[in-house]
């Protein structure tokens, strides 16, 4: 039996350099419900600095060239240290659970200011020596001011109550797992993530999500090292180590998405995650996503997980209630799943559109 992943009718997932977005409905009436940063930044994709450091034209100032190369290697090594720390710690991020919004108290109405304004208006044009008229004007000002204060307070209370009802209704829809409300909340939460994700459906208390994860080729090809003299440098990542870091990054993307989704949508009790990649274009100019991992998670199984000390790949294996992945060779390289017997996963990939390169 294949992996079950239920998408909302008419759902499309658009992946571009601007983000991952879910849209619902026919082309003429799409409902945009989210966006997000695609993939990692700062080096999980292709590194922003040159990997051919120290190779350049011959120069009469050879010592200067070597010095610049050494400095560049040291700088690159420092950047890579940060990149690998970031990859290793992706799954450790924590999220504050969603809470019912409480509308703040209405702004106070300052009676003295209101009274002063009414007195000024009522006394306009009355002589200082017309005591009777002034006394009468001040009395009318006091009455009008009191009426305005009470009216403004009633309106403020009415507006506050109205907004609170809106918050309560939204919270009720969220906790009751209204599909549109949950999908909108998840899409908004995923907007600024390193792990680009998008909701694709909600059924009962279970949501389905797609996470765009890096390919093995999109991982850093270099790692920090030191020379025999103790200077920081960089070197190529061995095949087995590269596969391990790739598995760590993919597991981290999945787990951080799971943690945030459960925090954002308190009514959800389970998640189905499909981790897809964005490969290069084929000979015909098309790009077809691959599925690296399909997994199901239950909220209760995340309780007690030692996020700070356990590796993400181990956590992924232990907390998931369903897990499909394929690792090949001595390096245990993550390899795309065969989808011949996975019609729902195949349908999901068909629903992913790549607008432009950059995921």
Protein backbone atom coordinates (compact mmCIF):
# COMPACT_ATOMS: atom_id res chain seq x y z
CA UNK A 1 0.00 0.00 0.00
CA UNK A 2 1.40 3.40 -0.98
CA UNK A 3 1.93 6.53 1.05
CA UNK A 4 -1.35 8.43 1.46
CA UNK A 5 -1.22 12.20 1.05
CA UNK A 6 -4.51 14.02 0.49
CA UNK A 7 -4.35 17.33 -1.30
CA UNK A 8 -7.06 19.94 -1.30
CA UNK A 9 -9.05 19.93 -4.58
CA UNK A 10 -7.36 22.01 -7.26
CA UNK A 11 -4.26 22.68 -5.19
CA UNK A 12 -1.08 23.81 -6.94
CA UNK A 13 2.34 24.35 -5.39
CA UNK A 14 4.48 26.98 -7.09
CA UNK A 15 8.22 26.98 -6.52
CA UNK A 16 10.30 29.95 -7.61
CA UNK A 17 13.14 32.15 -6.44
CA UNK A 18 10.47 34.18 -4.64
CA UNK A 19 9.25 31.27 -2.57
CA UNK A 20 6.97 28.27 -2.25
CA UNK A 21 3.31 29.09 -2.57
CA UNK A 22 0.08 27.14 -2.49
CA UNK A 23 -2.87 28.11 -4.62
CA UNK A 24 -6.31 26.52 -4.65
CA UNK A 25 -8.98 26.37 -7.29
CA UNK A 26 -9.12 26.81 -11.06
CA UNK A 27 -6.72 29.12 -12.83
CA UNK A 28 -9.33 31.85 -13.09
CA UNK A 29 -10.02 31.89 -9.37
CA UNK A 30 -6.87 30.99 -7.50
CA UNK A 31 -6.66 31.74 -3.79
CA UNK A 32 -3.14 32.64 -2.70
CA UNK A 33 -2.52 31.30 0.78
CA UNK A 34 1.15 31.69 1.41
CA UNK A 35 4.77 32.07 0.45
CA UNK A 36 8.24 31.40 1.72
CA UNK A 37 11.94 31.49 1.20
CA UNK A 38 13.06 28.68 -1.05
CA UNK A 39 15.60 26.37 0.45
CA UNK A 40 18.57 27.48 2.46
CA UNK A 41 20.59 30.64 2.21
CA UNK A 42 24.18 31.36 3.17
CA UNK A 43 25.72 28.35 1.60
CA UNK A 44 23.51 25.28 1.88
CA UNK A 45 22.95 25.76 -1.80
CA UNK A 46 25.91 26.64 -4.04
CA UNK A 47 28.50 28.58 -2.07
CA UNK A 48 28.74 32.28 -2.77
CA UNK A 49 32.53 32.32 -2.76
CA UNK A 50 34.82 30.75 -5.31
CA UNK A 51 35.94 27.18 -4.71
CA UNK A 52 39.02 27.67 -6.87
CA UNK A 53 40.77 29.72 -4.23
CA UNK A 54 44.49 30.22 -4.64
CA UNK A 55 44.44 29.54 -8.37
CA UNK A 56 45.17 32.61 -10.47
CA UNK A 57 47.44 34.18 -13.03
CA UNK A 58 51.13 34.39 -12.42
CA UNK A 59 52.18 37.75 -11.02
CA UNK A 60 55.39 39.50 -10.24
CA UNK A 61 53.94 40.03 -6.77
CA UNK A 62 53.67 36.33 -6.04
CA UNK A 63 53.86 36.79 -2.28
CA UNK A 64 50.86 39.13 -2.39
CA UNK A 65 48.87 36.62 -4.46
CA UNK A 66 49.64 33.81 -2.00
CA UNK A 67 48.70 36.07 0.90
CA UNK A 68 45.34 36.95 -0.67
CA UNK A 69 44.69 33.29 -1.43
CA UNK A 70 45.46 32.28 2.14
CA UNK A 71 43.25 35.02 3.48
CA UNK A 72 40.43 33.94 1.15
CA UNK A 73 40.77 30.33 2.23
CA UNK A 74 40.62 31.34 5.88
CA UNK A 75 37.55 33.46 5.26
CA UNK A 76 35.90 30.65 3.30
CA UNK A 77 36.68 28.19 6.10
CA UNK A 78 35.03 30.49 8.63
CA UNK A 79 31.94 30.77 6.44
CA UNK A 80 31.75 27.02 6.08
CA UNK A 81 31.97 26.52 9.84
CA UNK A 82 28.86 28.68 10.19
CA UNK A 83 27.12 26.85 7.34
CA UNK A 84 27.68 23.41 8.85
CA UNK A 85 26.62 24.61 12.30
CA UNK A 86 23.44 25.92 10.76
CA UNK A 87 22.71 22.66 8.96
CA UNK A 88 23.38 20.61 12.10
CA UNK A 89 21.14 22.84 14.22
CA UNK A 90 18.15 23.26 11.91
CA UNK A 91 15.99 20.79 13.83
CA UNK A 92 16.71 22.43 17.19
CA UNK A 93 14.71 25.58 16.51
CA UNK A 94 11.74 25.98 18.83
CA UNK A 95 8.43 27.71 18.21
CA UNK A 96 6.00 29.37 20.59
CA UNK A 97 2.62 27.60 20.47
CA UNK A 98 -0.20 29.61 18.94
CA UNK A 99 -2.52 31.25 21.44
CA UNK A 100 -5.92 32.86 21.27
CA UNK A 101 -5.48 36.56 20.61
CA UNK A 102 -6.79 38.97 23.22
CA UNK A 103 -7.74 42.43 21.97
CA UNK A 104 -5.99 45.07 24.09
CA UNK A 105 -8.07 47.49 26.16
CA UNK A 106 -9.51 50.46 24.34
CA UNK A 107 -7.53 53.67 24.43
CA UNK A 108 -8.66 55.81 27.39
CA UNK A 109 -10.82 58.87 26.86
CA UNK A 110 -9.41 61.81 28.81
CA UNK A 111 -12.39 63.66 30.29
CA UNK A 112 -10.42 66.81 31.14
CA UNK A 113 -9.31 67.27 27.53
CA UNK A 114 -12.82 66.74 26.21
CA UNK A 115 -14.29 69.15 28.76
CA UNK A 116 -11.69 71.80 27.98
CA UNK A 117 -12.48 71.60 24.27
CA UNK A 118 -16.23 71.95 24.86
CA UNK A 119 -15.74 74.86 27.24
CA UNK A 120 -13.63 76.67 24.69
CA UNK A 121 -16.27 76.16 22.02
CA UNK A 122 -19.17 77.26 24.25
CA UNK A 123 -17.40 80.38 25.57
CA UNK A 124 -16.45 81.60 22.12
CA UNK A 125 -17.83 85.11 21.58
CA UNK A 126 -19.03 85.58 25.17
CA UNK A 127 -17.60 88.54 27.08
CA UNK A 128 -15.55 87.83 30.17
CA UNK A 129 -17.89 90.09 32.13
CA UNK A 130 -21.11 88.32 31.02
CA UNK A 131 -21.07 86.09 34.08
CA UNK A 132 -24.53 84.63 33.72
CA UNK A 133 -24.02 83.70 30.10
CA UNK A 134 -20.62 82.23 30.88
CA UNK A 135 -22.05 80.17 33.75
CA UNK A 136 -24.76 78.82 31.48
CA UNK A 137 -22.25 78.08 28.70
CA UNK A 138 -19.96 76.18 31.07
CA UNK A 139 -22.90 74.11 32.33
CA UNK A 140 -23.86 73.17 28.78
CA UNK A 141 -20.19 72.38 28.03
CA UNK A 142 -20.08 70.01 30.99
CA UNK A 143 -23.20 68.16 29.80
CA UNK A 144 -21.98 67.91 26.20
CA UNK A 145 -18.53 66.78 27.30
CA UNK A 146 -19.96 64.05 29.51
CA UNK A 147 -22.18 62.83 26.68
CA UNK A 148 -19.22 62.72 24.29
CA UNK A 149 -17.07 60.84 26.80
CA UNK A 150 -19.76 58.24 27.38
CA UNK A 151 -20.44 57.91 23.64
CA UNK A 152 -16.76 57.44 22.82
CA UNK A 153 -16.33 54.90 25.58
CA UNK A 154 -19.35 52.92 24.36
CA UNK A 155 -18.02 52.96 20.78
CA UNK A 156 -14.55 51.91 21.91
CA UNK A 157 -16.04 49.06 23.92
CA UNK A 158 -18.16 48.03 20.94
CA UNK A 159 -15.16 48.02 18.61
CA UNK A 160 -13.07 46.09 21.11
CA UNK A 161 -15.81 43.50 21.55
CA UNK A 162 -16.18 43.21 17.77
CA UNK A 163 -12.46 42.61 17.27
CA UNK A 164 -12.40 40.13 20.14
CA UNK A 165 -15.27 38.20 18.55
CA UNK A 166 -13.26 38.10 15.33
CA UNK A 167 -10.23 36.77 17.21
CA UNK A 168 -12.38 34.18 18.96
CA UNK A 169 -14.00 33.05 15.72
CA UNK A 170 -10.60 32.77 14.04
CA UNK A 171 -9.25 30.80 16.98
CA UNK A 172 -12.27 28.50 16.95
CA UNK A 173 -11.79 27.83 13.21
CA UNK A 174 -8.09 27.20 13.75
CA UNK A 175 -8.53 24.80 16.66
CA UNK A 176 -11.40 23.07 14.87
CA UNK A 177 -9.05 22.47 11.91
CA UNK A 178 -11.00 24.43 9.34
CA UNK A 179 -8.95 23.60 6.22
CA UNK A 180 -8.69 27.12 4.80
CA UNK A 181 -7.86 28.66 8.17
CA UNK A 182 -5.20 26.05 8.98
CA UNK A 183 -3.63 26.23 5.53
CA UNK A 184 -3.48 30.03 5.67
CA UNK A 185 -1.92 29.95 9.15
CA UNK A 186 0.69 27.40 8.08
CA UNK A 187 1.52 29.26 4.87
CA UNK A 188 2.03 32.49 6.79
CA UNK A 189 4.22 30.77 9.37
CA UNK A 190 6.42 29.17 6.70
CA UNK A 191 7.10 32.45 4.88
CA UNK A 192 10.45 33.21 6.50
CA UNK A 193 11.74 29.66 6.93
CA UNK A 194 15.08 28.30 5.82
CA UNK A 195 13.15 25.10 5.04
CA UNK A 196 10.79 26.11 2.24
CA UNK A 197 7.41 24.49 2.89
CA UNK A 198 3.78 24.81 1.88
CA UNK A 199 0.52 23.24 3.07
CA UNK A 200 -1.35 21.19 0.47
CA UNK A 201 -4.34 19.85 2.36
CA UNK A 202 -6.11 19.34 5.68
CA UNK A 203 -8.28 16.32 6.43
CA UNK A 204 -9.75 16.10 9.91
CA UNK A 205 -6.92 16.65 12.36
CA UNK A 206 -4.18 15.78 9.86
CA UNK A 207 -2.43 18.14 7.46
CA UNK A 208 -0.31 17.37 4.41
CA UNK A 209 2.75 19.49 3.67
CA UNK A 210 5.40 19.60 0.98
CA UNK A 211 8.93 20.63 1.96
CA UNK A 212 11.47 21.62 -0.67
CA UNK A 213 14.80 20.16 0.41
CA UNK A 214 18.27 20.55 -1.10
CA UNK A 215 19.69 18.04 -3.53
CA UNK A 216 23.01 16.37 -2.82
CA UNK A 217 24.54 18.52 -5.56
CA UNK A 218 23.14 21.62 -3.85
CA UNK A 219 25.02 20.94 -0.63
CA UNK A 220 28.41 22.54 0.13
CA UNK A 221 31.12 20.78 -1.84
CA UNK A 222 33.86 21.97 0.53
CA UNK A 223 34.43 21.75 4.26
CA UNK A 224 36.65 23.62 6.71
CA UNK A 225 40.03 22.11 7.58
CA UNK A 226 43.47 23.15 8.82
CA UNK A 227 46.84 22.92 7.13
CA UNK A 228 49.75 21.01 8.72
CA UNK A 229 50.89 24.37 10.08
CA UNK A 230 47.54 24.99 11.72
CA UNK A 231 46.18 27.53 9.25
CA UNK A 232 42.45 27.37 8.42
CA UNK A 233 41.71 26.14 4.91
CA UNK A 234 39.08 24.19 2.97
CA UNK A 235 39.04 20.82 1.23
CA UNK A 236 36.63 18.69 -0.75
CA UNK A 237 33.97 16.80 1.18
CA UNK A 238 34.37 13.00 0.88
CA UNK A 239 31.46 11.17 -0.74
CA UNK A 240 30.29 9.38 2.41
CA UNK A 241 30.50 12.54 4.52
CA UNK A 242 28.65 14.53 1.85
CA UNK A 243 25.83 11.96 1.90
CA UNK A 244 25.67 12.16 5.70
CA UNK A 245 25.46 15.97 5.69
CA UNK A 246 22.79 15.80 2.99
CA UNK A 247 20.72 13.41 5.12
CA UNK A 248 21.19 15.75 8.09
CA UNK A 249 19.98 18.74 6.08
CA UNK A 250 16.94 16.92 4.69
CA UNK A 251 15.98 15.55 8.11
CA UNK A 252 16.46 19.00 9.63
CA UNK A 253 14.19 20.61 7.03
CA UNK A 254 11.48 18.05 7.73
CA UNK A 255 11.70 18.19 11.52
CA UNK A 256 11.74 21.98 11.81
CA UNK A 257 8.67 22.10 9.56
CA UNK A 258 6.91 19.50 11.72
CA UNK A 259 7.68 21.42 14.91
CA UNK A 260 6.46 24.72 13.51
CA UNK A 261 3.29 23.23 12.01
CA UNK A 262 2.25 21.67 15.32
CA UNK A 263 2.98 24.95 17.11
CA UNK A 264 1.00 27.04 14.64
CA UNK A 265 -2.03 24.75 14.37
CA UNK A 266 -2.88 23.44 17.86
CA UNK A 267 -5.78 21.33 16.59
CA UNK A 268 -3.62 19.20 14.32
CA UNK A 269 -2.65 15.81 15.71
CA UNK A 270 -0.79 14.41 12.70
CA UNK A 271 1.21 15.60 9.71
CA UNK A 272 2.14 13.98 6.45
CA UNK A 273 5.33 15.40 5.01
CA UNK A 274 6.62 14.96 1.49
CA UNK A 275 10.22 16.13 1.05
CA UNK A 276 10.78 17.01 -2.61
CA UNK A 277 13.79 18.33 -4.48
CA UNK A 278 14.14 20.70 -7.42
CA UNK A 279 16.56 19.09 -9.88
CA UNK A 280 18.21 20.72 -12.85
CA UNK A 281 16.38 21.05 -16.16
CA UNK A 282 16.41 18.03 -18.45
CA UNK A 283 17.29 18.03 -22.14
CA UNK A 284 13.83 19.37 -22.95
CA UNK A 285 14.06 22.30 -20.58
CA UNK A 286 11.67 20.80 -18.02
CA UNK A 287 12.33 20.12 -14.37
CA UNK A 288 10.63 17.31 -12.51
CA UNK A 289 10.74 17.13 -8.74
CA UNK A 290 11.87 13.98 -6.96
CA UNK A 291 10.62 12.72 -3.62
CA UNK A 292 13.42 11.90 -1.18
CA UNK A 293 11.35 11.18 1.92
CA UNK A 294 7.67 10.66 2.72
CA UNK A 295 6.80 10.49 6.40
CA UNK A 296 3.96 10.78 8.88
CA UNK A 297 4.24 12.31 12.35
CA UNK A 298 1.94 12.36 15.36
CA UNK A 299 2.02 15.24 17.80
CA UNK A 300 2.25 12.99 20.85
CA UNK A 301 5.45 11.35 19.63
CA UNK A 302 7.36 14.64 19.74
CA UNK A 303 7.00 14.88 23.52
CA UNK A 304 10.25 14.21 25.33
CA UNK A 305 12.49 14.30 22.25
CA UNK A 306 16.03 15.38 23.15
CA UNK A 307 16.44 17.89 20.35
CA UNK A 308 19.73 19.33 21.59
CA UNK A 309 21.68 16.07 21.77
CA UNK A 310 20.24 13.63 19.24
CA UNK A 311 21.06 13.73 15.53
CA UNK A 312 18.17 14.74 13.25
CA UNK A 313 18.32 11.55 11.16
CA UNK A 314 17.85 9.46 14.31
CA UNK A 315 14.97 11.65 15.50
CA UNK A 316 13.31 11.40 12.09
CA UNK A 317 13.51 7.62 12.21
CA UNK A 318 12.30 7.31 15.81
CA UNK A 319 9.39 9.76 15.90
CA UNK A 320 7.79 9.09 12.51
CA UNK A 321 4.93 6.59 12.38
CA UNK A 322 5.44 6.03 8.65
CA UNK A 323 8.70 6.57 6.84
CA UNK A 324 9.69 5.96 3.26
CA UNK A 325 13.21 6.67 2.06
CA UNK A 326 15.88 4.98 0.01
CA UNK A 327 19.60 5.02 0.74
CA UNK A 328 22.06 3.35 -1.60
CA UNK A 329 25.71 2.33 -1.54
CA UNK A 330 28.26 2.33 1.22
CA UNK A 331 27.75 6.08 1.61
CA UNK A 332 23.99 5.55 2.21
CA UNK A 333 23.14 8.30 -0.24
CA UNK A 334 19.52 9.47 -0.20
CA UNK A 335 17.99 8.53 -3.54
CA UNK A 336 14.63 9.54 -5.03
CA UNK A 337 11.77 7.18 -4.29
CA UNK A 338 10.30 5.11 -7.11
CA UNK A 339 6.73 6.30 -7.54
CA UNK A 340 5.34 3.50 -9.72
CA UNK A 341 3.22 2.25 -6.82
CA UNK A 342 2.70 5.68 -5.26
CA UNK A 343 -0.15 7.34 -7.18
CA UNK A 344 -0.78 10.04 -4.56
CA UNK A 345 2.87 11.04 -4.39
CA UNK A 346 2.99 11.08 -8.18
CA UNK A 347 -0.09 13.34 -8.22
CA UNK A 348 1.59 15.67 -5.74
CA UNK A 349 4.64 16.07 -7.94
CA UNK A 350 2.35 16.80 -10.88
CA UNK A 351 0.87 19.65 -8.81
CA UNK A 352 4.26 21.36 -8.35
CA UNK A 353 5.05 24.11 -10.83
CA UNK A 354 8.52 25.57 -11.20
CA UNK A 355 8.18 29.18 -12.28
CA UNK A 356 11.87 29.87 -12.51
CA UNK A 357 15.18 28.52 -11.34
CA UNK A 358 16.18 29.44 -7.82
CA UNK A 359 14.64 26.82 -5.53
